[in-house]
Amino acid sequence: MLKFNKIEKLIIEERVCKKSMAKKIGTTEQWLRLLLNGDIANPGMAKIEAIADFFRVPLDYFFEREVEVREDMQAQYEKEQEIRRLKELMAEKERTIQILMKGRYD
């Protein structure tokens, strides 16, 4: 069963703006609020996966289950997460460079 309070806890701990979070996970702030209030019983695995990716936590974090992850799978998961994080960082740096270059030639 999905633990909505764990999502809310992460939002508070990480000081996340719900509006920006909703946009990054591909939904609306209204939908996110409905989810957190427990008004959406089955949000779909794609949305839960997007939330897990947003906070960089495994899917199981949001459910009442404990599964021992195989070491090789855990290592692969961590590598994929790091690659995604580095790609996001590179994209942000590229945007910053573009802004600086535009200002330089204006």
PDB file of N, CA and C in Angstrom:
ATOM      1  N   MET A   1       0.838  -1.185   0.000  1.00  0.00           N
ATOM      2  CA  MET A   1       0.000   0.000   0.000  1.00  0.00           C
ATOM      3  C   MET A   1       0.881   1.245   0.000  1.00  0.00           C
ATOM      4  N   LEU A   2       0.504   2.200  -0.808  1.00  0.00           N
ATOM      5  CA  LEU A   2       1.254   3.443  -0.941  1.00  0.00           C
ATOM      6  C   LEU A   2       1.155   4.275   0.334  1.00  0.00           C
ATOM      7  N   LYS A   3       2.301   4.767   0.804  1.00  0.00           N
ATOM      8  CA  LYS A   3       2.362   5.596   2.012  1.00  0.00           C
ATOM      9  C   LYS A   3       2.514   7.061   1.599  1.00  0.00           C
ATOM     10  N   PHE A   4       1.373   7.765   1.509  1.00  0.00           N
ATOM     11  CA  PHE A   4       1.361   9.157   1.076  1.00  0.00           C
ATOM     12  C   PHE A   4       2.172  10.046   2.012  1.00  0.00           C
ATOM     13  N   ASN A   5       2.177   9.689   3.304  1.00  0.00           N
ATOM     14  CA  ASN A   5       2.900  10.516   4.280  1.00  0.00           C
ATOM     15  C   ASN A   5       4.408  10.528   4.014  1.00  0.00           C
ATOM     16  N   LYS A   6       4.923   9.491   3.380  1.00  0.00           N
ATOM     17  CA  LYS A   6       6.355   9.479   3.065  1.00  0.00           C
ATOM     18  C   LYS A   6       6.679  10.491   1.974  1.00  0.00           C
ATOM     19  N   ILE A   7       5.762  10.682   1.045  1.00  0.00           N
ATOM     20  CA  ILE A   7       5.967  11.697   0.009  1.00  0.00           C
ATOM     21  C   ILE A   7       5.938  13.079   0.651  1.00  0.00           C
ATOM     22  N   GLU A   8       4.951  13.310   1.489  1.00  0.00           N
ATOM     23  CA  GLU A   8       4.829  14.595   2.185  1.00  0.00           C
ATOM     24  C   GLU A   8       6.068  14.865   3.048  1.00  0.00           C
ATOM     25  N   LYS A   9       6.562  13.832   3.704  1.00  0.00           N
ATOM     26  CA  LYS A   9       7.753  13.973   4.545  1.00  0.00           C
ATOM     27  C   LYS A   9       8.951  14.429   3.719  1.00  0.00           C
ATOM     28  N   LEU A  10       9.146  13.833   2.554  1.00  0.00           N
ATOM     29  CA  LEU A  10      10.249  14.226   1.684  1.00  0.00           C
ATOM     30  C   LEU A  10      10.084  15.665   1.186  1.00  0.00           C
ATOM     31  N   ILE A  11       8.863  16.039   0.870  1.00  0.00           N
ATOM     32  CA  ILE A  11       8.597  17.408   0.411  1.00  0.00           C
ATOM     33  C   ILE A  11       9.002  18.407   1.491  1.00  0.00           C
ATOM     34  N   ILE A  12       8.647  18.098   2.732  1.00  0.00           N
ATOM     35  CA  ILE A  12       8.978  18.994   3.846  1.00  0.00           C
ATOM     36  C   ILE A  12      10.478  18.997   4.107  1.00  0.00           C
ATOM     37  N   GLU A  13      11.070  17.818   4.194  1.00  0.00           N
ATOM     38  CA  GLU A  13      12.500  17.709   4.496  1.00  0.00           C
ATOM     39  C   GLU A  13      13.374  18.395   3.444  1.00  0.00           C
ATOM     40  N   GLU A  14      12.986  18.248   2.193  1.00  0.00           N
ATOM     41  CA  GLU A  14      13.794  18.791   1.102  1.00  0.00           C
ATOM     42  C   GLU A  14      13.378  20.210   0.732  1.00  0.00           C
ATOM     43  N   ARG A  15      12.347  20.703   1.423  1.00  0.00           N
ATOM     44  CA  ARG A  15      11.826  22.064   1.171  1.00  0.00           C
ATOM     45  C   ARG A  15      11.485  22.259  -0.299  1.00  0.00           C
ATOM     46  N   VAL A  16      10.683  21.339  -0.801  1.00  0.00           N
ATOM     47  CA  VAL A  16      10.319  21.327  -2.213  1.00  0.00           C
ATOM     48  C   VAL A  16       9.034  22.123  -2.426  1.00  0.00           C
ATOM     49  N   CYS A  17       9.039  22.935  -3.452  1.00  0.00           N
ATOM     50  CA  CYS A  17       7.836  23.660  -3.872  1.00  0.00           C
ATOM     51  C   CYS A  17       6.955  22.663  -4.631  1.00  0.00           C
ATOM     52  N   LYS A  18       5.728  22.481  -4.173  1.00  0.00           N
ATOM     53  CA  LYS A  18       4.840  21.485  -4.792  1.00  0.00           C
ATOM     54  C   LYS A  18       4.552  21.814  -6.255  1.00  0.00           C
ATOM     55  N   LYS A  19       4.448  23.096  -6.556  1.00  0.00           N
ATOM     56  CA  LYS A  19       4.169  23.495  -7.937  1.00  0.00           C
ATOM     57  C   LYS A  19       5.313  23.090  -8.859  1.00  0.00           C
ATOM     58  N   SER A  20       6.548  23.362  -8.459  1.00  0.00           N
ATOM     59  CA  SER A  20       7.686  22.990  -9.309  1.00  0.00           C
ATOM     60  C   SER A  20       7.874  21.480  -9.351  1.00  0.00           C
ATOM     61  N   MET A  21       7.608  20.815  -8.235  1.00  0.00           N
ATOM     62  CA  MET A  21       7.704  19.355  -8.220  1.00  0.00           C
ATOM     63  C   MET A  21       6.694  18.753  -9.194  1.00  0.00           C
ATOM     64  N   ALA A  22       5.460  19.240  -9.129  1.00  0.00           N
ATOM     65  CA  ALA A  22       4.412  18.732 -10.015  1.00  0.00           C
ATOM     66  C   ALA A  22       4.822  18.886 -11.475  1.00  0.00           C
ATOM     67  N   LYS A  23       5.376  20.034 -11.808  1.00  0.00           N
ATOM     68  CA  LYS A  23       5.801  20.275 -13.181  1.00  0.00           C
ATOM     69  C   LYS A  23       6.900  19.290 -13.592  1.00  0.00           C
ATOM     70  N   LYS A  24       7.860  19.054 -12.690  1.00  0.00           N
ATOM     71  CA  LYS A  24       8.980  18.162 -13.016  1.00  0.00           C
ATOM     72  C   LYS A  24       8.555  16.701 -13.144  1.00  0.00           C
ATOM     73  N   ILE A  25       7.489  16.315 -12.435  1.00  0.00           N
ATOM     74  CA  ILE A  25       7.041  14.916 -12.548  1.00  0.00           C
ATOM     75  C   ILE A  25       5.938  14.755 -13.596  1.00  0.00           C
ATOM     76  N   GLY A  26       5.605  15.850 -14.270  1.00  0.00           N
ATOM     77  CA  GLY A  26       4.656  15.767 -15.382  1.00  0.00           C
ATOM     78  C   GLY A  26       3.202  15.753 -14.974  1.00  0.00           C
ATOM     79  N   THR A  27       2.856  16.518 -13.950  1.00  0.00           N
ATOM     80  CA  THR A  27       1.465  16.584 -13.521  1.00  0.00           C
ATOM     81  C   THR A  27       1.159  18.001 -13.046  1.00  0.00           C
ATOM     82  N   THR A  28       0.027  18.175 -12.411  1.00  0.00           N
ATOM     83  CA  THR A  28      -0.353  19.490 -11.908  1.00  0.00           C
ATOM     84  C   THR A  28      -0.216  19.541 -10.397  1.00  0.00           C
ATOM     85  N   GLU A  29      -0.156  20.741  -9.868  1.00  0.00           N
ATOM     86  CA  GLU A  29      -0.098  20.903  -8.423  1.00  0.00           C
ATOM     87  C   GLU A  29      -1.389  20.379  -7.782  1.00  0.00           C
ATOM     88  N   GLN A  30      -2.510  20.571  -8.447  1.00  0.00           N
ATOM     89  CA  GLN A  30      -3.789  20.080  -7.932  1.00  0.00           C
ATOM     90  C   GLN A  30      -3.766  18.558  -7.803  1.00  0.00           C
ATOM     91  N   TRP A  31      -3.260  17.867  -8.817  1.00  0.00           N
ATOM     92  CA  TRP A  31      -3.178  16.409  -8.768  1.00  0.00           C
ATOM     93  C   TRP A  31      -2.294  15.974  -7.609  1.00  0.00           C
ATOM     94  N   LEU A  32      -1.164  16.665  -7.433  1.00  0.00           N
ATOM     95  CA  LEU A  32      -0.238  16.325  -6.351  1.00  0.00           C
ATOM     96  C   LEU A  32      -0.910  16.507  -4.993  1.00  0.00           C
ATOM     97  N   ARG A  33      -1.648  17.583  -4.828  1.00  0.00           N
ATOM     98  CA  ARG A  33      -2.356  17.815  -3.560  1.00  0.00           C
ATOM     99  C   ARG A  33      -3.403  16.729  -3.307  1.00  0.00           C
ATOM    100  N   LEU A  34      -4.122  16.337  -4.362  1.00  0.00           N
ATOM    101  CA  LEU A  34      -5.106  15.248  -4.221  1.00  0.00           C
ATOM    102  C   LEU A  34      -4.419  13.958  -3.799  1.00  0.00           C
ATOM    103  N   LEU A  35      -3.275  13.683  -4.404  1.00  0.00           N
ATOM    104  CA  LEU A  35      -2.515  12.480  -4.051  1.00  0.00           C
ATOM    105  C   LEU A  35      -2.109  12.517  -2.582  1.00  0.00           C
ATOM    106  N   LEU A  36      -1.549  13.641  -2.152  1.00  0.00           N
ATOM    107  CA  LEU A  36      -1.064  13.759  -0.775  1.00  0.00           C
ATOM    108  C   LEU A  36      -2.198  13.690   0.241  1.00  0.00           C
ATOM    109  N   ASN A  37      -3.397  14.109  -0.165  1.00  0.00           N
ATOM    110  CA  ASN A  37      -4.561  14.030   0.715  1.00  0.00           C
ATOM    111  C   ASN A  37      -5.178  12.637   0.725  1.00  0.00           C
ATOM    112  N   GLY A  38      -4.676  11.746  -0.116  1.00  0.00           N
ATOM    113  CA  GLY A  38      -5.207  10.391  -0.178  1.00  0.00           C
ATOM    114  C   GLY A  38      -6.448  10.257  -1.037  1.00  0.00           C
ATOM    115  N   ASP A  39      -6.738  11.291  -1.834  1.00  0.00           N
ATOM    116  CA  ASP A  39      -7.926  11.277  -2.686  1.00  0.00           C
ATOM    117  C   ASP A  39      -7.707  10.521  -3.993  1.00  0.00           C
ATOM    118  N   ILE A  40      -6.463  10.172  -4.278  1.00  0.00           N
ATOM    119  CA  ILE A  40      -6.157   9.371  -5.467  1.00  0.00           C
ATOM    120  C   ILE A  40      -5.632   8.031  -4.958  1.00  0.00           C
ATOM    121  N   ALA A  41      -6.458   7.013  -5.056  1.00  0.00           N
ATOM    122  CA  ALA A  41      -6.113   5.703  -4.496  1.00  0.00           C
ATOM    123  C   ALA A  41      -5.039   4.994  -5.308  1.00  0.00           C
ATOM    124  N   ASN A  42      -5.101   5.128  -6.624  1.00  0.00           N
ATOM    125  CA  ASN A  42      -4.143   4.439  -7.481  1.00  0.00           C
ATOM    126  C   ASN A  42      -3.562   5.433  -8.480  1.00  0.00           C
ATOM    127  N   PRO A  43      -2.471   6.093  -8.119  1.00  0.00           N
ATOM    128  CA  PRO A  43      -1.900   7.109  -9.001  1.00  0.00           C
ATOM    129  C   PRO A  43      -1.189   6.556 -10.231  1.00  0.00           C
ATOM    130  N   GLY A  44      -0.950   5.278 -10.259  1.00  0.00           N
ATOM    131  CA  GLY A  44      -0.252   4.669 -11.391  1.00  0.00           C
ATOM    132  C   GLY A  44       1.240   4.589 -11.124  1.00  0.00           C
ATOM    133  N   MET A  45       1.821   3.526 -11.606  1.00  0.00           N
ATOM    134  CA  MET A  45       3.229   3.279 -11.341  1.00  0.00           C
ATOM    135  C   MET A  45       4.126   4.321 -11.997  1.00  0.00           C
ATOM    136  N   ALA A  46       3.762   4.839 -13.146  1.00  0.00           N
ATOM    137  CA  ALA A  46       4.589   5.838 -13.825  1.00  0.00           C
ATOM    138  C   ALA A  46       4.733   7.094 -12.972  1.00  0.00           C
ATOM    139  N   LYS A  47       3.655   7.509 -12.324  1.00  0.00           N
ATOM    140  CA  LYS A  47       3.712   8.709 -11.471  1.00  0.00           C
ATOM    141  C   LYS A  47       4.531   8.443 -10.211  1.00  0.00           C
ATOM    142  N   ILE A  48       4.346   7.269  -9.613  1.00  0.00           N
ATOM    143  CA  ILE A  48       5.120   6.941  -8.413  1.00  0.00           C
ATOM    144  C   ILE A  48       6.596   6.839  -8.770  1.00  0.00           C
ATOM    145  N   GLU A  49       6.889   6.276  -9.923  1.00  0.00           N
ATOM    146  CA  GLU A  49       8.279   6.190 -10.378  1.00  0.00           C
ATOM    147  C   GLU A  49       8.857   7.590 -10.595  1.00  0.00           C
ATOM    148  N   ALA A  50       8.068   8.484 -11.173  1.00  0.00           N
ATOM    149  CA  ALA A  50       8.536   9.863 -11.384  1.00  0.00           C
ATOM    150  C   ALA A  50       8.826  10.549 -10.049  1.00  0.00           C
ATOM    151  N   ILE A  51       7.974  10.305  -9.053  1.00  0.00           N
ATOM    152  CA  ILE A  51       8.189  10.885  -7.726  1.00  0.00           C
ATOM    153  C   ILE A  51       9.448  10.298  -7.097  1.00  0.00           C
ATOM    154  N   ALA A  52       9.613   8.992  -7.201  1.00  0.00           N
ATOM    155  CA  ALA A  52      10.809   8.341  -6.657  1.00  0.00           C
ATOM    156  C   ALA A  52      12.067   8.884  -7.324  1.00  0.00           C
ATOM    157  N   ASP A  53      12.025   9.036  -8.632  1.00  0.00           N
ATOM    158  CA  ASP A  53      13.169   9.595  -9.355  1.00  0.00           C
ATOM    159  C   ASP A  53      13.435  11.035  -8.938  1.00  0.00           C
ATOM    160  N   PHE A  54      12.375  11.791  -8.745  1.00  0.00           N
ATOM    161  CA  PHE A  54      12.521  13.193  -8.334  1.00  0.00           C
ATOM    162  C   PHE A  54      13.289  13.302  -7.019  1.00  0.00           C
ATOM    163  N   PHE A  55      12.941  12.425  -6.065  1.00  0.00           N
ATOM    164  CA  PHE A  55      13.603  12.459  -4.760  1.00  0.00           C
ATOM    165  C   PHE A  55      14.830  11.550  -4.690  1.00  0.00           C
ATOM    166  N   ARG A  56      15.083  10.805  -5.760  1.00  0.00           N
ATOM    167  CA  ARG A  56      16.207   9.865  -5.817  1.00  0.00           C
ATOM    168  C   ARG A  56      16.122   8.812  -4.716  1.00  0.00           C
ATOM    169  N   VAL A  57      14.943   8.213  -4.623  1.00  0.00           N
ATOM    170  CA  VAL A  57      14.734   7.121  -3.676  1.00  0.00           C
ATOM    171  C   VAL A  57      14.197   5.922  -4.452  1.00  0.00           C
ATOM    172  N   PRO A  58      14.396   4.707  -3.930  1.00  0.00           N
ATOM    173  CA  PRO A  58      13.834   3.536  -4.614  1.00  0.00           C
ATOM    174  C   PRO A  58      12.312   3.519  -4.479  1.00  0.00           C
ATOM    175  N   LEU A  59      11.658   2.870  -5.417  1.00  0.00           N
ATOM    176  CA  LEU A  59      10.191   2.776  -5.389  1.00  0.00           C
ATOM    177  C   LEU A  59       9.677   2.194  -4.072  1.00  0.00           C
ATOM    178  N   ASP A  60      10.371   1.219  -3.543  1.00  0.00           N
ATOM    179  CA  ASP A  60       9.918   0.571  -2.311  1.00  0.00           C
ATOM    180  C   ASP A  60       9.843   1.529  -1.129  1.00  0.00           C
ATOM    181  N   TYR A  61      10.520   2.648  -1.206  1.00  0.00           N
ATOM    182  CA  TYR A  61      10.477   3.619  -0.112  1.00  0.00           C
ATOM    183  C   TYR A  61       9.037   4.043   0.187  1.00  0.00           C
ATOM    184  N   PHE A  62       8.196   4.100  -0.835  1.00  0.00           N
ATOM    185  CA  PHE A  62       6.822   4.579  -0.681  1.00  0.00           C
ATOM    186  C   PHE A  62       5.815   3.487  -0.324  1.00  0.00           C
ATOM    187  N   PHE A  63       6.269   2.266  -0.157  1.00  0.00           N
ATOM    188  CA  PHE A  63       5.353   1.164   0.108  1.00  0.00           C
ATOM    189  C   PHE A  63       5.710   0.458   1.409  1.00  0.00           C
ATOM    190  N   GLU A  64       4.767  -0.300   1.928  1.00  0.00           N
ATOM    191  CA  GLU A  64       4.967  -1.053   3.172  1.00  0.00           C
ATOM    192  C   GLU A  64       5.587  -2.402   2.869  1.00  0.00           C
ATOM    193  N   ARG A  65       6.782  -2.400   2.369  1.00  0.00           N
ATOM    194  CA  ARG A  65       7.438  -3.667   2.100  1.00  0.00           C
ATOM    195  C   ARG A  65       8.938  -3.488   2.186  1.00  0.00           C
ATOM    196  N   GLU A  66       9.572  -4.538   2.531  1.00  0.00           N
ATOM    197  CA  GLU A  66      11.022  -4.543   2.625  1.00  0.00           C
ATOM    198  C   GLU A  66      11.532  -5.639   1.706  1.00  0.00           C
ATOM    199  N   VAL A  67      12.403  -5.278   0.822  1.00  0.00           N
ATOM    200  CA  VAL A  67      12.988  -6.233  -0.103  1.00  0.00           C
ATOM    201  C   VAL A  67      14.490  -6.027  -0.079  1.00  0.00           C
ATOM    202  N   GLU A  68      15.187  -7.116   0.087  1.00  0.00           N
ATOM    203  CA  GLU A  68      16.634  -7.025   0.039  1.00  0.00           C
ATOM    204  C   GLU A  68      17.052  -6.981  -1.430  1.00  0.00           C
ATOM    205  N   VAL A  69      17.707  -5.931  -1.805  1.00  0.00           N
ATOM    206  CA  VAL A  69      18.099  -5.731  -3.189  1.00  0.00           C
ATOM    207  C   VAL A  69      19.412  -6.456  -3.453  1.00  0.00           C
ATOM    208  N   ARG A  70      19.440  -7.164  -4.571  1.00  0.00           N
ATOM    209  CA  ARG A  70      20.671  -7.842  -4.954  1.00  0.00           C
ATOM    210  C   ARG A  70      21.765  -6.803  -5.148  1.00  0.00           C
ATOM    211  N   GLU A  71      22.959  -7.137  -4.719  1.00  0.00           N
ATOM    212  CA  GLU A  71      24.072  -6.181  -4.787  1.00  0.00           C
ATOM    213  C   GLU A  71      24.340  -5.702  -6.209  1.00  0.00           C
ATOM    214  N   ASP A  72      24.292  -6.618  -7.180  1.00  0.00           N
ATOM    215  CA  ASP A  72      24.567  -6.213  -8.553  1.00  0.00           C
ATOM    216  C   ASP A  72      23.487  -5.278  -9.086  1.00  0.00           C
ATOM    217  N   MET A  73      22.245  -5.517  -8.690  1.00  0.00           N
ATOM    218  CA  MET A  73      21.147  -4.647  -9.116  1.00  0.00           C
ATOM    219  C   MET A  73      21.246  -3.292  -8.433  1.00  0.00           C
ATOM    220  N   GLN A  74      21.626  -3.278  -7.167  1.00  0.00           N
ATOM    221  CA  GLN A  74      21.759  -2.030  -6.435  1.00  0.00           C
ATOM    222  C   GLN A  74      22.868  -1.174  -7.050  1.00  0.00           C
ATOM    223  N   ALA A  75      23.971  -1.800  -7.398  1.00  0.00           N
ATOM    224  CA  ALA A  75      25.079  -1.075  -8.014  1.00  0.00           C
ATOM    225  C   ALA A  75      24.647  -0.487  -9.355  1.00  0.00           C
ATOM    226  N   GLN A  76      23.915  -1.258 -10.153  1.00  0.00           N
ATOM    227  CA  GLN A  76      23.429  -0.778 -11.447  1.00  0.00           C
ATOM    228  C   GLN A  76      22.473   0.392 -11.249  1.00  0.00           C
ATOM    229  N   TYR A  77      21.572   0.259 -10.285  1.00  0.00           N
ATOM    230  CA  TYR A  77      20.613   1.330  -9.992  1.00  0.00           C
ATOM    231  C   TYR A  77      21.355   2.608  -9.595  1.00  0.00           C
ATOM    232  N   GLU A  78      22.341   2.481  -8.728  1.00  0.00           N
ATOM    233  CA  GLU A  78      23.103   3.645  -8.276  1.00  0.00           C
ATOM    234  C   GLU A  78      23.865   4.292  -9.428  1.00  0.00           C
ATOM    235  N   LYS A  79      24.412   3.480 -10.323  1.00  0.00           N
ATOM    236  CA  LYS A  79      25.114   4.022 -11.486  1.00  0.00           C
ATOM    237  C   LYS A  79      24.153   4.796 -12.383  1.00  0.00           C
ATOM    238  N   GLU A  80      22.984   4.228 -12.633  1.00  0.00           N
ATOM    239  CA  GLU A  80      21.992   4.896 -13.472  1.00  0.00           C
ATOM    240  C   GLU A  80      21.545   6.207 -12.857  1.00  0.00           C
ATOM    241  N   GLN A  81      21.352   6.222 -11.541  1.00  0.00           N
ATOM    242  CA  GLN A  81      20.959   7.441 -10.854  1.00  0.00           C
ATOM    243  C   GLN A  81      22.046   8.506 -10.958  1.00  0.00           C
ATOM    244  N   GLU A  82      23.287   8.105 -10.797  1.00  0.00           N
ATOM    245  CA  GLU A  82      24.402   9.051 -10.890  1.00  0.00           C
ATOM    246  C   GLU A  82      24.535   9.603 -12.303  1.00  0.00           C
ATOM    247  N   ILE A  83      24.365   8.763 -13.295  1.00  0.00           N
ATOM    248  CA  ILE A  83      24.431   9.212 -14.693  1.00  0.00           C
ATOM    249  C   ILE A  83      23.322  10.221 -14.962  1.00  0.00           C
ATOM    250  N   ARG A  84      22.115   9.932 -14.500  1.00  0.00           N
ATOM    251  CA  ARG A  84      20.996  10.858 -14.696  1.00  0.00           C
ATOM    252  C   ARG A  84      21.269  12.190 -14.010  1.00  0.00           C
ATOM    253  N   ARG A  85      21.801  12.132 -12.786  1.00  0.00           N
ATOM    254  CA  ARG A  85      22.102  13.349 -12.039  1.00  0.00           C
ATOM    255  C   ARG A  85      23.173  14.174 -12.754  1.00  0.00           C
ATOM    256  N   LEU A  86      24.198  13.496 -13.273  1.00  0.00           N
ATOM    257  CA  LEU A  86      25.259  14.200 -13.993  1.00  0.00           C
ATOM    258  C   LEU A  86      24.747  14.813 -15.296  1.00  0.00           C
ATOM    259  N   LYS A  87      23.849  14.119 -15.983  1.00  0.00           N
ATOM    260  CA  LYS A  87      23.262  14.680 -17.209  1.00  0.00           C
ATOM    261  C   LYS A  87      22.448  15.927 -16.886  1.00  0.00           C
ATOM    262  N   GLU A  88      21.692  15.893 -15.795  1.00  0.00           N
ATOM    263  CA  GLU A  88      20.935  17.072 -15.378  1.00  0.00           C
ATOM    264  C   GLU A  88      21.873  18.227 -15.048  1.00  0.00           C
ATOM    265  N   LEU A  89      22.960  17.921 -14.367  1.00  0.00           N
ATOM    266  CA  LEU A  89      23.948  18.940 -14.017  1.00  0.00           C
ATOM    267  C   LEU A  89      24.581  19.541 -15.271  1.00  0.00           C
ATOM    268  N   MET A  90      24.911  18.698 -16.233  1.00  0.00           N
ATOM    269  CA  MET A  90      25.499  19.192 -17.479  1.00  0.00           C
ATOM    270  C   MET A  90      24.512  20.073 -18.233  1.00  0.00           C
ATOM    271  N   ALA A  91      23.257  19.691 -18.266  1.00  0.00           N
ATOM    272  CA  ALA A  91      22.246  20.491 -18.945  1.00  0.00           C
ATOM    273  C   ALA A  91      22.101  21.854 -18.268  1.00  0.00           C
ATOM    274  N   GLU A  92      22.124  21.868 -16.957  1.00  0.00           N
ATOM    275  CA  GLU A  92      22.029  23.131 -16.213  1.00  0.00           C
ATOM    276  C   GLU A  92      23.256  24.004 -16.489  1.00  0.00           C
ATOM    277  N   LYS A  93      24.427  23.412 -16.533  1.00  0.00           N
ATOM    278  CA  LYS A  93      25.640  24.178 -16.852  1.00  0.00           C
ATOM    279  C   LYS A  93      25.547  24.748 -18.257  1.00  0.00           C
ATOM    280  N   GLU A  94      25.052  23.969 -19.193  1.00  0.00           N
ATOM    281  CA  GLU A  94      24.908  24.437 -20.574  1.00  0.00           C
ATOM    282  C   GLU A  94      23.949  25.624 -20.640  1.00  0.00           C
ATOM    283  N   ARG A  95      22.844  25.559 -19.909  1.00  0.00           N
ATOM    284  CA  ARG A  95      21.906  26.681 -19.868  1.00  0.00           C
ATOM    285  C   ARG A  95      22.589  27.925 -19.294  1.00  0.00           C
ATOM    286  N   THR A  96      23.373  27.745 -18.246  1.00  0.00           N
ATOM    287  CA  THR A  96      24.089  28.870 -17.634  1.00  0.00           C
ATOM    288  C   THR A  96      25.081  29.476 -18.618  1.00  0.00           C
ATOM    289  N   ILE A  97      25.805  28.649 -19.326  1.00  0.00           N
ATOM    290  CA  ILE A  97      26.769  29.133 -20.320  1.00  0.00           C
ATOM    291  C   ILE A  97      26.055  29.930 -21.411  1.00  0.00           C
ATOM    292  N   GLN A  98      24.912  29.403 -21.863  1.00  0.00           N
ATOM    293  CA  GLN A  98      24.148  30.096 -22.906  1.00  0.00           C
ATOM    294  C   GLN A  98      23.692  31.466 -22.423  1.00  0.00           C
ATOM    295  N   ILE A  99      23.243  31.549 -21.190  1.00  0.00           N
ATOM    296  CA  ILE A  99      22.810  32.828 -20.621  1.00  0.00           C
ATOM    297  C   ILE A  99      23.978  33.798 -20.539  1.00  0.00           C
ATOM    298  N   LEU A 100      25.107  33.303 -20.061  1.00  0.00           N
ATOM    299  CA  LEU A 100      26.295  34.160 -19.951  1.00  0.00           C
ATOM    300  C   LEU A 100      26.800  34.606 -21.322  1.00  0.00           C
ATOM    301  N   MET A 101      26.793  33.730 -22.288  1.00  0.00           N
ATOM    302  CA  MET A 101      27.258  34.073 -23.617  1.00  0.00           C
ATOM    303  C   MET A 101      26.318  35.086 -24.275  1.00  0.00           C
ATOM    304  N   LYS A 102      25.035  34.923 -24.064  1.00  0.00           N
ATOM    305  CA  LYS A 102      24.063  35.857 -24.627  1.00  0.00           C
ATOM    306  C   LYS A 102      24.281  37.253 -24.049  1.00  0.00           C
ATOM    307  N   GLY A 103      24.497  37.324 -22.743  1.00  0.00           N
ATOM    308  CA  GLY A 103      24.750  38.609 -22.076  1.00  0.00           C
ATOM    309  C   GLY A 103      26.039  39.255 -22.543  1.00  0.00           C
ATOM    310  N   ARG A 104      26.994  38.445 -22.902  1.00  0.00           N
ATOM    311  CA  ARG A 104      28.303  38.955 -23.340  1.00  0.00           C
ATOM    312  C   ARG A 104      28.224  39.615 -24.706  1.00  0.00           C
ATOM    313  N   TYR A 105      27.371  39.108 -25.570  1.00  0.00           N
ATOM    314  CA  TYR A 105      27.297  39.608 -26.924  1.00  0.00           C
ATOM    315  C   TYR A 105      26.125  40.561 -27.156  1.00  0.00           C
ATOM    316  N   ASP A 106      25.375  40.859 -26.136  1.00  0.00           N
ATOM    317  CA  ASP A 106      24.248  41.803 -26.296  1.00  0.00           C
ATOM    318  C   ASP A 106      24.710  43.231 -26.190  1.00  0.00           C
TER     319      ASP A 106
END
